[in-house]
Amino acid sequence: MVDALGPGHLCVTSISCAVVWFVQWVHYPLYQDVGLEHFERYHQGHLRRARTLLAPIFLVEGALSVGLFLIAPAWLAAVGLGAYLLGMALTATWIERVYRRLGQGFERASWRRLLQLNSWRMVLWTVRLGCALGVLMMPQVHV
Protein backbone atom coordinates (compact mmCIF):
# COMPACT_ATOMS: atom_id res chain seq x y z
CA MET A 1 0.00 0.00 0.00
CA VAL A 2 2.96 2.34 0.61
CA ASP A 3 3.77 1.74 -3.04
CA ALA A 4 0.44 3.34 -3.92
CA LEU A 5 0.52 6.36 -1.57
CA GLY A 6 4.24 6.95 -1.19
CA PRO A 7 5.11 8.46 -4.59
CA GLY A 8 2.15 10.85 -4.50
CA HIS A 9 3.00 11.81 -0.94
CA LEU A 10 6.60 12.49 -1.91
CA CYS A 11 5.47 14.56 -4.90
CA VAL A 12 3.04 16.77 -2.99
CA THR A 13 5.44 17.15 -0.06
CA SER A 14 8.18 18.18 -2.50
CA ILE A 15 5.89 20.85 -3.93
CA SER A 16 5.02 22.17 -0.46
CA CYS A 17 8.64 22.17 0.64
CA ALA A 18 9.75 24.01 -2.51
CA VAL A 19 7.06 26.65 -2.04
CA VAL A 20 8.01 27.23 1.60
CA TRP A 21 11.70 27.59 0.68
CA PHE A 22 10.87 29.93 -2.24
CA VAL A 23 8.67 32.12 -0.09
CA GLN A 24 11.31 32.28 2.66
CA TRP A 25 14.27 33.14 0.42
CA VAL A 26 12.65 35.09 -2.41
CA HIS A 27 9.12 36.32 -1.76
CA TYR A 28 8.98 37.41 1.89
CA PRO A 29 12.33 39.26 1.77
CA LEU A 30 10.92 41.38 -1.08
CA TYR A 31 8.04 42.58 1.13
CA GLN A 32 10.26 45.38 2.38
CA ASP A 33 10.62 46.71 -1.18
CA VAL A 34 6.92 46.92 -2.07
CA GLY A 35 6.45 50.39 -0.59
CA LEU A 36 4.03 51.53 2.07
CA GLU A 37 1.53 52.94 -0.44
CA HIS A 38 0.90 49.58 -2.14
CA PHE A 39 1.74 47.09 0.57
CA GLU A 40 -1.76 46.31 1.90
CA ARG A 41 -3.09 45.50 -1.57
CA TYR A 42 0.03 43.51 -2.42
CA HIS A 43 -0.13 41.49 0.80
CA GLN A 44 -3.85 40.76 0.43
CA GLY A 45 -3.24 39.62 -3.15
CA HIS A 46 -0.41 37.38 -1.97
CA LEU A 47 -2.62 35.76 0.67
CA ARG A 48 -5.57 35.26 -1.68
CA ARG A 49 -3.48 33.70 -4.43
CA ALA A 50 -1.29 31.63 -2.11
CA ARG A 51 -4.31 30.20 -0.29
CA THR A 52 -6.05 29.37 -3.56
CA LEU A 53 -2.97 27.53 -4.80
CA LEU A 54 -1.80 25.91 -1.58
CA ALA A 55 -5.02 24.90 0.20
CA PRO A 56 -5.71 21.88 -2.03
CA ILE A 57 -2.02 20.90 -1.98
CA PHE A 58 -1.88 21.03 1.82
CA LEU A 59 -5.16 19.10 2.12
CA VAL A 60 -3.93 16.33 -0.17
CA GLU A 61 -0.60 16.30 1.63
CA GLY A 62 -2.33 15.97 5.00
CA ALA A 63 -4.59 13.17 3.81
CA LEU A 64 -1.67 11.26 2.32
CA SER A 65 0.37 11.80 5.51
CA VAL A 66 -2.40 10.32 7.63
CA GLY A 67 -2.86 7.48 5.15
CA LEU A 68 0.83 6.63 5.19
CA PHE A 69 0.92 6.70 8.96
CA LEU A 70 -2.07 4.36 9.17
CA ILE A 71 -0.71 1.81 6.71
CA ALA A 72 2.99 2.12 7.55
CA PRO A 73 3.24 3.33 11.14
CA ALA A 74 7.04 3.51 11.03
CA TRP A 75 8.82 6.24 12.95
CA LEU A 76 9.45 8.19 9.71
CA ALA A 77 5.74 8.34 8.92
CA ALA A 78 5.03 9.46 12.49
CA VAL A 79 7.69 12.18 12.41
CA GLY A 80 6.45 13.36 9.01
CA LEU A 81 2.86 13.53 10.19
CA GLY A 82 3.92 15.31 13.37
CA ALA A 83 5.89 17.88 11.36
CA TYR A 84 2.84 18.42 9.13
CA LEU A 85 0.57 18.98 12.12
CA LEU A 86 3.06 21.35 13.77
CA GLY A 87 3.45 23.28 10.51
CA MET A 88 -0.29 23.63 10.08
CA ALA A 89 -0.68 24.73 13.72
CA LEU A 90 2.12 27.27 13.32
CA THR A 91 0.48 28.62 10.18
CA ALA A 92 -3.03 28.78 11.63
CA THR A 93 -1.96 30.50 14.83
CA TRP A 94 1.21 32.60 14.94
CA ILE A 95 1.76 33.15 11.23
CA GLU A 96 -1.90 33.99 10.69
CA ARG A 97 -1.66 36.67 13.42
CA VAL A 98 1.35 38.20 11.68
CA TYR A 99 -0.53 38.13 8.36
CA ARG A 100 -3.39 40.05 9.97
CA ARG A 101 -0.99 42.70 11.30
CA LEU A 102 0.70 43.03 7.92
CA GLY A 103 -2.74 43.29 6.32
CA GLN A 104 -3.02 46.68 8.01
CA GLY A 105 0.21 47.88 6.42
CA PHE A 106 3.89 47.07 6.34
CA GLU A 107 5.55 47.04 9.71
CA ARG A 108 9.21 46.04 9.93
CA ALA A 109 8.83 44.18 13.25
CA SER A 110 5.93 42.10 11.91
CA TRP A 111 7.81 41.39 8.69
CA ARG A 112 10.84 40.17 10.64
CA ARG A 113 8.58 38.03 12.82
CA LEU A 114 7.09 36.51 9.65
CA LEU A 115 10.57 35.63 8.41
CA GLN A 116 11.44 34.06 11.78
CA LEU A 117 8.24 32.03 12.00
CA ASN A 118 8.42 30.92 8.38
CA SER A 119 11.97 29.69 8.94
CA TRP A 120 10.47 27.19 11.42
CA ARG A 121 7.93 26.19 8.80
CA MET A 122 10.80 25.74 6.33
CA VAL A 123 12.58 23.43 8.77
CA LEU A 124 9.40 21.43 9.37
CA TRP A 125 8.76 20.95 5.64
CA THR A 126 12.37 20.00 5.04
CA VAL A 127 12.01 17.34 7.75
CA ARG A 128 8.78 16.23 6.07
CA LEU A 129 10.53 15.89 2.73
CA GLY A 130 13.26 13.74 4.30
CA CYS A 131 10.63 11.56 5.96
CA ALA A 132 8.63 11.21 2.74
CA LEU A 133 11.74 10.06 0.91
CA GLY A 134 12.74 7.78 3.78
CA VAL A 135 9.34 6.08 3.89
CA LEU A 136 9.72 5.18 0.21
CA MET A 137 13.20 3.80 0.79
CA MET A 138 12.25 1.65 3.79
CA PRO A 139 11.85 -2.04 3.10
CA GLN A 140 8.17 -2.93 3.10
CA VAL A 141 6.80 -5.95 4.88
CA HIS A 142 4.09 -7.59 2.78
CA VAL A 143 1.60 -9.69 4.67
C-alpha atoms as a PDB file:
ATOM      1  CA  MET A   1       0.000   0.000   0.000  1.00  0.00           C
ATOM      2  CA  VAL A   2       2.958   2.339   0.614  1.00  0.00           C
ATOM      3  CA  ASP A   3       3.775   1.737  -3.041  1.00  0.00           C
ATOM      4  CA  ALA A   4       0.443   3.340  -3.925  1.00  0.00           C
ATOM      5  CA  LEU A   5       0.523   6.357  -1.571  1.00  0.00           C
ATOM      6  CA  GLY A   6       4.240   6.954  -1.189  1.00  0.00           C
ATOM      7  CA  PRO A   7       5.109   8.456  -4.591  1.00  0.00           C
ATOM      8  CA  GLY A   8       2.147  10.849  -4.500  1.00  0.00           C
ATOM      9  CA  HIS A   9       2.999  11.812  -0.938  1.00  0.00           C
ATOM     10  CA  LEU A  10       6.605  12.492  -1.905  1.00  0.00           C
ATOM     11  CA  CYS A  11       5.471  14.556  -4.898  1.00  0.00           C
ATOM     12  CA  VAL A  12       3.038  16.772  -2.993  1.00  0.00           C
ATOM     13  CA  THR A  13       5.441  17.151  -0.060  1.00  0.00           C
ATOM     14  CA  SER A  14       8.183  18.178  -2.504  1.00  0.00           C
ATOM     15  CA  ILE A  15       5.890  20.853  -3.932  1.00  0.00           C
ATOM     16  CA  SER A  16       5.016  22.173  -0.461  1.00  0.00           C
ATOM     17  CA  CYS A  17       8.641  22.166   0.637  1.00  0.00           C
ATOM     18  CA  ALA A  18       9.753  24.010  -2.506  1.00  0.00           C
ATOM     19  CA  VAL A  19       7.058  26.653  -2.044  1.00  0.00           C
ATOM     20  CA  VAL A  20       8.009  27.228   1.603  1.00  0.00           C
ATOM     21  CA  TRP A  21      11.698  27.594   0.675  1.00  0.00           C
ATOM     22  CA  PHE A  22      10.865  29.934  -2.238  1.00  0.00           C
ATOM     23  CA  VAL A  23       8.673  32.121  -0.085  1.00  0.00           C
ATOM     24  CA  GLN A  24      11.310  32.279   2.663  1.00  0.00           C
ATOM     25  CA  TRP A  25      14.267  33.142   0.425  1.00  0.00           C
ATOM     26  CA  VAL A  26      12.647  35.094  -2.409  1.00  0.00           C
ATOM     27  CA  HIS A  27       9.118  36.316  -1.763  1.00  0.00           C
ATOM     28  CA  TYR A  28       8.984  37.407   1.894  1.00  0.00           C
ATOM     29  CA  PRO A  29      12.327  39.260   1.768  1.00  0.00           C
ATOM     30  CA  LEU A  30      10.916  41.381  -1.080  1.00  0.00           C
ATOM     31  CA  TYR A  31       8.042  42.575   1.130  1.00  0.00           C
ATOM     32  CA  GLN A  32      10.264  45.383   2.379  1.00  0.00           C
ATOM     33  CA  ASP A  33      10.622  46.708  -1.176  1.00  0.00           C
ATOM     34  CA  VAL A  34       6.919  46.919  -2.075  1.00  0.00           C
ATOM     35  CA  GLY A  35       6.452  50.387  -0.586  1.00  0.00           C
ATOM     36  CA  LEU A  36       4.026  51.532   2.065  1.00  0.00           C
ATOM     37  CA  GLU A  37       1.531  52.935  -0.435  1.00  0.00           C
ATOM     38  CA  HIS A  38       0.898  49.577  -2.142  1.00  0.00           C
ATOM     39  CA  PHE A  39       1.740  47.085   0.566  1.00  0.00           C
ATOM     40  CA  GLU A  40      -1.761  46.307   1.898  1.00  0.00           C
ATOM     41  CA  ARG A  41      -3.092  45.503  -1.568  1.00  0.00           C
ATOM     42  CA  TYR A  42       0.029  43.509  -2.419  1.00  0.00           C
ATOM     43  CA  HIS A  43      -0.130  41.493   0.803  1.00  0.00           C
ATOM     44  CA  GLN A  44      -3.852  40.764   0.429  1.00  0.00           C
ATOM     45  CA  GLY A  45      -3.243  39.621  -3.146  1.00  0.00           C
ATOM     46  CA  HIS A  46      -0.409  37.381  -1.965  1.00  0.00           C
ATOM     47  CA  LEU A  47      -2.623  35.764   0.668  1.00  0.00           C
ATOM     48  CA  ARG A  48      -5.569  35.261  -1.679  1.00  0.00           C
ATOM     49  CA  ARG A  49      -3.475  33.701  -4.430  1.00  0.00           C
ATOM     50  CA  ALA A  50      -1.287  31.629  -2.108  1.00  0.00           C
ATOM     51  CA  ARG A  51      -4.312  30.205  -0.288  1.00  0.00           C
ATOM     52  CA  THR A  52      -6.049  29.366  -3.558  1.00  0.00           C
ATOM     53  CA  LEU A  53      -2.975  27.534  -4.803  1.00  0.00           C
ATOM     54  CA  LEU A  54      -1.803  25.906  -1.581  1.00  0.00           C
ATOM     55  CA  ALA A  55      -5.023  24.903   0.201  1.00  0.00           C
ATOM     56  CA  PRO A  56      -5.705  21.877  -2.034  1.00  0.00           C
ATOM     57  CA  ILE A  57      -2.023  20.904  -1.981  1.00  0.00           C
ATOM     58  CA  PHE A  58      -1.885  21.033   1.816  1.00  0.00           C
ATOM     59  CA  LEU A  59      -5.155  19.100   2.124  1.00  0.00           C
ATOM     60  CA  VAL A  60      -3.934  16.325  -0.171  1.00  0.00           C
ATOM     61  CA  GLU A  61      -0.595  16.299   1.626  1.00  0.00           C
ATOM     62  CA  GLY A  62      -2.328  15.966   5.002  1.00  0.00           C
ATOM     63  CA  ALA A  63      -4.593  13.169   3.811  1.00  0.00           C
ATOM     64  CA  LEU A  64      -1.665  11.261   2.325  1.00  0.00           C
ATOM     65  CA  SER A  65       0.375  11.798   5.506  1.00  0.00           C
ATOM     66  CA  VAL A  66      -2.405  10.321   7.635  1.00  0.00           C
ATOM     67  CA  GLY A  67      -2.863   7.478   5.154  1.00  0.00           C
ATOM     68  CA  LEU A  68       0.829   6.632   5.189  1.00  0.00           C
ATOM     69  CA  PHE A  69       0.924   6.703   8.963  1.00  0.00           C
ATOM     70  CA  LEU A  70      -2.065   4.359   9.174  1.00  0.00           C
ATOM     71  CA  ILE A  71      -0.708   1.812   6.709  1.00  0.00           C
ATOM     72  CA  ALA A  72       2.994   2.120   7.549  1.00  0.00           C
ATOM     73  CA  PRO A  73       3.241   3.335  11.142  1.00  0.00           C
ATOM     74  CA  ALA A  74       7.040   3.508  11.030  1.00  0.00           C
ATOM     75  CA  TRP A  75       8.816   6.245  12.950  1.00  0.00           C
ATOM     76  CA  LEU A  76       9.452   8.188   9.714  1.00  0.00           C
ATOM     77  CA  ALA A  77       5.742   8.336   8.922  1.00  0.00           C
ATOM     78  CA  ALA A  78       5.032   9.458  12.494  1.00  0.00           C
ATOM     79  CA  VAL A  79       7.688  12.185  12.409  1.00  0.00           C
ATOM     80  CA  GLY A  80       6.453  13.355   9.009  1.00  0.00           C
ATOM     81  CA  LEU A  81       2.856  13.529  10.190  1.00  0.00           C
ATOM     82  CA  GLY A  82       3.925  15.311  13.368  1.00  0.00           C
ATOM     83  CA  ALA A  83       5.885  17.883  11.359  1.00  0.00           C
ATOM     84  CA  TYR A  84       2.844  18.424   9.127  1.00  0.00           C
ATOM     85  CA  LEU A  85       0.570  18.984  12.125  1.00  0.00           C
ATOM     86  CA  LEU A  86       3.064  21.354  13.773  1.00  0.00           C
ATOM     87  CA  GLY A  87       3.452  23.275  10.509  1.00  0.00           C
ATOM     88  CA  MET A  88      -0.287  23.626  10.080  1.00  0.00           C
ATOM     89  CA  ALA A  89      -0.684  24.730  13.721  1.00  0.00           C
ATOM     90  CA  LEU A  90       2.120  27.267  13.320  1.00  0.00           C
ATOM     91  CA  THR A  91       0.482  28.621  10.176  1.00  0.00           C
ATOM     92  CA  ALA A  92      -3.029  28.777  11.631  1.00  0.00           C
ATOM     93  CA  THR A  93      -1.956  30.502  14.830  1.00  0.00           C
ATOM     94  CA  TRP A  94       1.214  32.598  14.938  1.00  0.00           C
ATOM     95  CA  ILE A  95       1.763  33.146  11.235  1.00  0.00           C
ATOM     96  CA  GLU A  96      -1.896  33.994  10.685  1.00  0.00           C
ATOM     97  CA  ARG A  97      -1.656  36.667  13.424  1.00  0.00           C
ATOM     98  CA  VAL A  98       1.348  38.205  11.675  1.00  0.00           C
ATOM     99  CA  TYR A  99      -0.525  38.126   8.358  1.00  0.00           C
ATOM    100  CA  ARG A 100      -3.388  40.048   9.968  1.00  0.00           C
ATOM    101  CA  ARG A 101      -0.994  42.698  11.302  1.00  0.00           C
ATOM    102  CA  LEU A 102       0.703  43.029   7.922  1.00  0.00           C
ATOM    103  CA  GLY A 103      -2.737  43.286   6.324  1.00  0.00           C
ATOM    104  CA  GLN A 104      -3.022  46.685   8.015  1.00  0.00           C
ATOM    105  CA  GLY A 105       0.208  47.885   6.423  1.00  0.00           C
ATOM    106  CA  PHE A 106       3.886  47.074   6.340  1.00  0.00           C
ATOM    107  CA  GLU A 107       5.552  47.043   9.713  1.00  0.00           C
ATOM    108  CA  ARG A 108       9.214  46.039   9.930  1.00  0.00           C
ATOM    109  CA  ALA A 109       8.834  44.180  13.253  1.00  0.00           C
ATOM    110  CA  SER A 110       5.930  42.097  11.914  1.00  0.00           C
ATOM    111  CA  TRP A 111       7.808  41.393   8.690  1.00  0.00           C
ATOM    112  CA  ARG A 112      10.843  40.172  10.641  1.00  0.00           C
ATOM    113  CA  ARG A 113       8.578  38.029  12.815  1.00  0.00           C
ATOM    114  CA  LEU A 114       7.089  36.508   9.647  1.00  0.00           C
ATOM    115  CA  LEU A 115      10.573  35.630   8.409  1.00  0.00           C
ATOM    116  CA  GLN A 116      11.441  34.057  11.777  1.00  0.00           C
ATOM    117  CA  LEU A 117       8.245  32.026  11.996  1.00  0.00           C
ATOM    118  CA  ASN A 118       8.420  30.922   8.380  1.00  0.00           C
ATOM    119  CA  SER A 119      11.965  29.689   8.942  1.00  0.00           C
ATOM    120  CA  TRP A 120      10.473  27.186  11.415  1.00  0.00           C
ATOM    121  CA  ARG A 121       7.925  26.186   8.800  1.00  0.00           C
ATOM    122  CA  MET A 122      10.796  25.745   6.329  1.00  0.00           C
ATOM    123  CA  VAL A 123      12.582  23.426   8.775  1.00  0.00           C
ATOM    124  CA  LEU A 124       9.400  21.427   9.373  1.00  0.00           C
ATOM    125  CA  TRP A 125       8.759  20.951   5.645  1.00  0.00           C
ATOM    126  CA  THR A 126      12.373  19.996   5.043  1.00  0.00           C
ATOM    127  CA  VAL A 127      12.012  17.337   7.745  1.00  0.00           C
ATOM    128  CA  ARG A 128       8.782  16.232   6.066  1.00  0.00           C
ATOM    129  CA  LEU A 129      10.529  15.890   2.728  1.00  0.00           C
ATOM    130  CA  GLY A 130      13.256  13.742   4.295  1.00  0.00           C
ATOM    131  CA  CYS A 131      10.633  11.563   5.962  1.00  0.00           C
ATOM    132  CA  ALA A 132       8.627  11.205   2.741  1.00  0.00           C
ATOM    133  CA  LEU A 133      11.735  10.059   0.912  1.00  0.00           C
ATOM    134  CA  GLY A 134      12.737   7.775   3.782  1.00  0.00           C
ATOM    135  CA  VAL A 135       9.339   6.076   3.890  1.00  0.00           C
ATOM    136  CA  LEU A 136       9.719   5.185   0.210  1.00  0.00           C
ATOM    137  CA  MET A 137      13.205   3.804   0.788  1.00  0.00           C
ATOM    138  CA  MET A 138      12.255   1.647   3.792  1.00  0.00           C
ATOM    139  CA  PRO A 139      11.854  -2.042   3.104  1.00  0.00           C
ATOM    140  CA  GLN A 140       8.174  -2.934   3.102  1.00  0.00           C
ATOM    141  CA  VAL A 141       6.799  -5.951   4.882  1.00  0.00           C
ATOM    142  CA  HIS A 142       4.088  -7.594   2.779  1.00  0.00           C
ATOM    143  CA  VAL A 143       1.599  -9.694   4.667  1.00  0.00           C
END
